[in-house]
Amino acid sequence: MEYLYHYTNLASMRQILESGALKLTPSNLLEPKDMHIGVDQFGHKAMVSETDSYKPVVWLTNSDSPDRNGIDSSVGMPDEYVKKRVRFVLEKKPHYEWWHTWSDKNRMKKSYKKRLILNMNYASWYISETEIPLSDVLYVEDLVTGEIYLDNRK
């Protein structure tokens, strides 16, 4: 069985559990050039771009470690906002696409793609073009404390 992972912070994990799904976020197909304060996928004020709504996705990785995947390290942030802290574990499904092929198929600008993937393990990235219900998540764990927040394993 192959697994994919979604990493986030404690604050976002709570919002995901309340909403019942891993929500769509910016796909980065288009380089953001118009950053401004707006509303994120949870209805909160955040820095957003008009490009955020272009082909949004759920970001996944086949790496069981959050390192070198392009996940924000949140250096200097309170523990609640460290994005490498919480791991959602899912079985890989056929409709989850390898990001490298998907980005080429969607004609991502090559110069922007080259900058985006610099020094990252982009070969581990996968995407879902649809929200992922929590019923598709095997379990959610805190990588610091080991606490399990959701367990759908049988």
C-alpha atoms as a PDB file:
ATOM      1  CA  MET A   1       0.000   0.000   0.000  1.00  0.00           C
ATOM      2  CA  GLU A   2       1.328   3.448  -0.927  1.00  0.00           C
ATOM      3  CA  TYR A   3       0.801   6.442   1.310  1.00  0.00           C
ATOM      4  CA  LEU A   4       0.724  10.189   0.759  1.00  0.00           C
ATOM      5  CA  TYR A   5       1.047  12.866   3.411  1.00  0.00           C
ATOM      6  CA  HIS A   6      -0.210  16.387   4.025  1.00  0.00           C
ATOM      7  CA  TYR A   7       1.670  18.564   6.533  1.00  0.00           C
ATOM      8  CA  THR A   8       0.281  21.526   8.419  1.00  0.00           C
ATOM      9  CA  ASN A   9       0.395  23.374  11.730  1.00  0.00           C
ATOM     10  CA  LEU A  10      -1.737  22.892  14.850  1.00  0.00           C
ATOM     11  CA  ALA A  11      -3.966  25.907  14.149  1.00  0.00           C
ATOM     12  CA  SER A  12      -4.751  24.812  10.578  1.00  0.00           C
ATOM     13  CA  MET A  13      -5.183  21.190  11.683  1.00  0.00           C
ATOM     14  CA  ARG A  14      -7.961  22.248  14.059  1.00  0.00           C
ATOM     15  CA  GLN A  15      -9.678  24.175  11.238  1.00  0.00           C
ATOM     16  CA  ILE A  16      -9.360  21.182   8.896  1.00  0.00           C
ATOM     17  CA  LEU A  17     -10.872  18.844  11.494  1.00  0.00           C
ATOM     18  CA  GLU A  18     -13.752  21.301  12.070  1.00  0.00           C
ATOM     19  CA  SER A  19     -14.397  21.704   8.325  1.00  0.00           C
ATOM     20  CA  GLY A  20     -14.357  17.941   7.660  1.00  0.00           C
ATOM     21  CA  ALA A  21     -11.946  18.083   4.706  1.00  0.00           C
ATOM     22  CA  LEU A  22      -8.498  19.017   3.475  1.00  0.00           C
ATOM     23  CA  LYS A  23      -9.381  22.227   1.630  1.00  0.00           C
ATOM     24  CA  LEU A  24      -8.091  23.506  -1.703  1.00  0.00           C
ATOM     25  CA  THR A  25      -5.236  26.025  -1.604  1.00  0.00           C
ATOM     26  CA  PRO A  26      -3.196  27.841  -4.279  1.00  0.00           C
ATOM     27  CA  SER A  27      -1.625  25.528  -6.840  1.00  0.00           C
ATOM     28  CA  ASN A  28       1.202  27.934  -7.695  1.00  0.00           C
ATOM     29  CA  LEU A  29       0.649  27.338 -11.426  1.00  0.00           C
ATOM     30  CA  LEU A  30       0.738  31.089 -11.867  1.00  0.00           C
ATOM     31  CA  GLU A  31       3.308  33.281 -10.147  1.00  0.00           C
ATOM     32  CA  PRO A  32       1.539  35.570  -7.646  1.00  0.00           C
ATOM     33  CA  LYS A  33       2.167  39.212  -8.507  1.00  0.00           C
ATOM     34  CA  ASP A  34      -0.715  40.908  -6.717  1.00  0.00           C
ATOM     35  CA  MET A  35      -0.404  39.914  -3.055  1.00  0.00           C
ATOM     36  CA  HIS A  36      -2.867  41.677  -0.775  1.00  0.00           C
ATOM     37  CA  ILE A  37      -4.825  41.064   2.420  1.00  0.00           C
ATOM     38  CA  GLY A  38      -7.847  38.940   1.620  1.00  0.00           C
ATOM     39  CA  VAL A  39      -9.708  35.874   2.861  1.00  0.00           C
ATOM     40  CA  ASP A  40      -8.172  32.364   2.918  1.00  0.00           C
ATOM     41  CA  GLN A  41      -9.913  28.989   2.467  1.00  0.00           C
ATOM     42  CA  PHE A  42     -11.071  29.060   6.104  1.00  0.00           C
ATOM     43  CA  GLY A  43     -12.582  32.546   5.865  1.00  0.00           C
ATOM     44  CA  HIS A  44      -9.730  34.232   7.780  1.00  0.00           C
ATOM     45  CA  LYS A  45      -7.751  37.324   6.826  1.00  0.00           C
ATOM     46  CA  ALA A  46      -4.520  36.342   5.085  1.00  0.00           C
ATOM     47  CA  MET A  47      -2.120  37.400   2.353  1.00  0.00           C
ATOM     48  CA  VAL A  48      -3.707  36.201  -0.896  1.00  0.00           C
ATOM     49  CA  SER A  49      -3.336  36.738  -4.621  1.00  0.00           C
ATOM     50  CA  GLU A  50      -5.834  36.709  -7.462  1.00  0.00           C
ATOM     51  CA  THR A  51      -3.805  33.779  -8.838  1.00  0.00           C
ATOM     52  CA  ASP A  52      -4.753  31.734  -5.730  1.00  0.00           C
ATOM     53  CA  SER A  53      -8.098  30.872  -7.285  1.00  0.00           C
ATOM     54  CA  TYR A  54      -6.517  29.535 -10.485  1.00  0.00           C
ATOM     55  CA  LYS A  55      -6.706  25.703 -10.327  1.00  0.00           C
ATOM     56  CA  PRO A  56      -6.530  25.324  -6.519  1.00  0.00           C
ATOM     57  CA  VAL A  57      -5.343  21.968  -5.146  1.00  0.00           C
ATOM     58  CA  VAL A  58      -4.640  19.995  -1.995  1.00  0.00           C
ATOM     59  CA  TRP A  59      -0.875  19.572  -1.684  1.00  0.00           C
ATOM     60  CA  LEU A  60       0.420  16.091  -0.836  1.00  0.00           C
ATOM     61  CA  THR A  61       3.815  14.410  -0.749  1.00  0.00           C
ATOM     62  CA  ASN A  62       5.019  10.823  -0.783  1.00  0.00           C
ATOM     63  CA  SER A  63       7.686  11.735   1.779  1.00  0.00           C
ATOM     64  CA  ASP A  64       7.014  10.636   5.349  1.00  0.00           C
ATOM     65  CA  SER A  65       9.294  13.479   6.476  1.00  0.00           C
ATOM     66  CA  PRO A  66       8.378  17.162   6.079  1.00  0.00           C
ATOM     67  CA  ASP A  67      11.974  18.170   5.301  1.00  0.00           C
ATOM     68  CA  ARG A  68      13.085  19.527   1.882  1.00  0.00           C
ATOM     69  CA  ASN A  69       9.588  19.346   0.412  1.00  0.00           C
ATOM     70  CA  GLY A  70       9.053  23.097   0.214  1.00  0.00           C
ATOM     71  CA  ILE A  71       7.069  23.111   3.415  1.00  0.00           C
ATOM     72  CA  ASP A  72       7.478  26.431   5.190  1.00  0.00           C
ATOM     73  CA  SER A  73       9.774  25.954   8.155  1.00  0.00           C
ATOM     74  CA  SER A  74       7.982  28.722  10.113  1.00  0.00           C
ATOM     75  CA  VAL A  75      11.296  29.684  11.747  1.00  0.00           C
ATOM     76  CA  GLY A  76      10.705  31.854  14.781  1.00  0.00           C
ATOM     77  CA  MET A  77       6.959  31.204  14.812  1.00  0.00           C
ATOM     78  CA  PRO A  78       5.087  29.981  17.903  1.00  0.00           C
ATOM     79  CA  ASP A  79       4.740  26.153  18.008  1.00  0.00           C
ATOM     80  CA  GLU A  80       1.070  26.466  17.032  1.00  0.00           C
ATOM     81  CA  TYR A  81       2.111  27.745  13.560  1.00  0.00           C
ATOM     82  CA  VAL A  82       5.003  25.410  12.703  1.00  0.00           C
ATOM     83  CA  LYS A  83       3.792  23.838   9.456  1.00  0.00           C
ATOM     84  CA  LYS A  84       5.981  20.735   9.768  1.00  0.00           C
ATOM     85  CA  ARG A  85       4.326  19.695  13.024  1.00  0.00           C
ATOM     86  CA  VAL A  86       1.151  17.838  11.989  1.00  0.00           C
ATOM     87  CA  ARG A  87       0.998  15.005   9.453  1.00  0.00           C
ATOM     88  CA  PHE A  88      -2.155  13.731   7.723  1.00  0.00           C
ATOM     89  CA  VAL A  89      -1.637  10.183   6.382  1.00  0.00           C
ATOM     90  CA  LEU A  90      -3.677   8.985   3.375  1.00  0.00           C
ATOM     91  CA  GLU A  91      -3.716   5.983   1.080  1.00  0.00           C
ATOM     92  CA  LYS A  92      -2.616   6.978  -2.423  1.00  0.00           C
ATOM     93  CA  LYS A  93      -5.584   7.103  -4.812  1.00  0.00           C
ATOM     94  CA  PRO A  94      -5.535   7.050  -8.632  1.00  0.00           C
ATOM     95  CA  HIS A  95      -6.871  10.604  -8.948  1.00  0.00           C
ATOM     96  CA  TYR A  96      -3.986  12.066  -6.922  1.00  0.00           C
ATOM     97  CA  GLU A  97      -1.600  13.339  -9.604  1.00  0.00           C
ATOM     98  CA  TRP A  98       2.155  13.679  -9.607  1.00  0.00           C
ATOM     99  CA  TRP A  99       2.709  17.451  -9.482  1.00  0.00           C
ATOM    100  CA  HIS A 100       5.556  17.501 -12.028  1.00  0.00           C
ATOM    101  CA  THR A 101       3.385  15.976 -14.762  1.00  0.00           C
ATOM    102  CA  TRP A 102       0.319  17.967 -13.687  1.00  0.00           C
ATOM    103  CA  SER A 103       2.185  21.302 -13.771  1.00  0.00           C
ATOM    104  CA  ASP A 104       3.523  20.565 -17.278  1.00  0.00           C
ATOM    105  CA  LYS A 105       0.078  19.466 -18.477  1.00  0.00           C
ATOM    106  CA  ASN A 106      -1.299  22.770 -17.159  1.00  0.00           C
ATOM    107  CA  ARG A 107       1.443  24.750 -18.948  1.00  0.00           C
ATOM    108  CA  MET A 108       3.229  26.194 -15.942  1.00  0.00           C
ATOM    109  CA  LYS A 109       5.763  28.795 -17.059  1.00  0.00           C
ATOM    110  CA  LYS A 110       9.143  27.015 -17.097  1.00  0.00           C
ATOM    111  CA  SER A 111      11.158  29.917 -15.643  1.00  0.00           C
ATOM    112  CA  TYR A 112       8.755  30.241 -12.694  1.00  0.00           C
ATOM    113  CA  LYS A 113       8.719  26.467 -12.136  1.00  0.00           C
ATOM    114  CA  LYS A 114      12.528  26.431 -12.039  1.00  0.00           C
ATOM    115  CA  ARG A 115      12.546  29.113  -9.288  1.00  0.00           C
ATOM    116  CA  LEU A 116       9.730  27.418  -7.354  1.00  0.00           C
ATOM    117  CA  ILE A 117      11.446  24.021  -7.132  1.00  0.00           C
ATOM    118  CA  LEU A 118      14.979  25.275  -6.399  1.00  0.00           C
ATOM    119  CA  ASN A 119      16.587  23.103  -3.681  1.00  0.00           C
ATOM    120  CA  MET A 120      13.376  21.169  -3.037  1.00  0.00           C
ATOM    121  CA  ASN A 121      12.367  17.544  -3.397  1.00  0.00           C
ATOM    122  CA  TYR A 122       9.627  18.389  -5.903  1.00  0.00           C
ATOM    123  CA  ALA A 123       9.621  14.804  -7.202  1.00  0.00           C
ATOM    124  CA  SER A 124       7.749  13.890  -3.997  1.00  0.00           C
ATOM    125  CA  TRP A 125       4.852  16.312  -4.639  1.00  0.00           C
ATOM    126  CA  TYR A 126       1.348  15.169  -5.526  1.00  0.00           C
ATOM    127  CA  ILE A 127      -1.902  17.093  -5.795  1.00  0.00           C
ATOM    128  CA  SER A 128      -5.616  16.528  -5.614  1.00  0.00           C
ATOM    129  CA  GLU A 129      -7.834  18.874  -7.605  1.00  0.00           C
ATOM    130  CA  THR A 130     -10.693  18.166  -5.190  1.00  0.00           C
ATOM    131  CA  GLU A 131     -11.081  18.569  -1.452  1.00  0.00           C
ATOM    132  CA  ILE A 132     -10.203  15.418   0.469  1.00  0.00           C
ATOM    133  CA  PRO A 133     -12.830  14.369   3.018  1.00  0.00           C
ATOM    134  CA  LEU A 134     -11.538  13.319   6.429  1.00  0.00           C
ATOM    135  CA  SER A 135     -13.024   9.886   5.798  1.00  0.00           C
ATOM    136  CA  ASP A 136     -10.161   9.413   3.273  1.00  0.00           C
ATOM    137  CA  VAL A 137      -7.538  10.242   5.933  1.00  0.00           C
ATOM    138  CA  LEU A 138      -6.118   7.234   7.778  1.00  0.00           C
ATOM    139  CA  TYR A 139      -4.873   9.245  10.746  1.00  0.00           C
ATOM    140  CA  VAL A 140      -3.583  12.644  11.842  1.00  0.00           C
ATOM    141  CA  GLU A 141      -0.580  12.845  14.138  1.00  0.00           C
ATOM    142  CA  ASP A 142       1.465  15.449  15.976  1.00  0.00           C
ATOM    143  CA  LEU A 143       5.089  14.799  14.979  1.00  0.00           C
ATOM    144  CA  VAL A 144       6.375  16.449  18.174  1.00  0.00           C
ATOM    145  CA  THR A 145       4.196  14.822  20.842  1.00  0.00           C
ATOM    146  CA  GLY A 146       3.022  11.699  18.988  1.00  0.00           C
ATOM    147  CA  GLU A 147      -0.609  12.539  19.793  1.00  0.00           C
ATOM    148  CA  ILE A 148      -3.154  11.120  17.340  1.00  0.00           C
ATOM    149  CA  TYR A 149      -5.941  13.642  16.587  1.00  0.00           C
ATOM    150  CA  LEU A 150      -7.953  11.490  14.179  1.00  0.00           C
ATOM    151  CA  ASP A 151      -7.752   7.723  13.627  1.00  0.00           C
ATOM    152  CA  ASN A 152      -9.732   6.082  10.802  1.00  0.00           C
ATOM    153  CA  ARG A 153      -7.590   2.952  10.715  1.00  0.00           C
ATOM    154  CA  LYS A 154      -9.521  -0.250  11.134  1.00  0.00           C
END
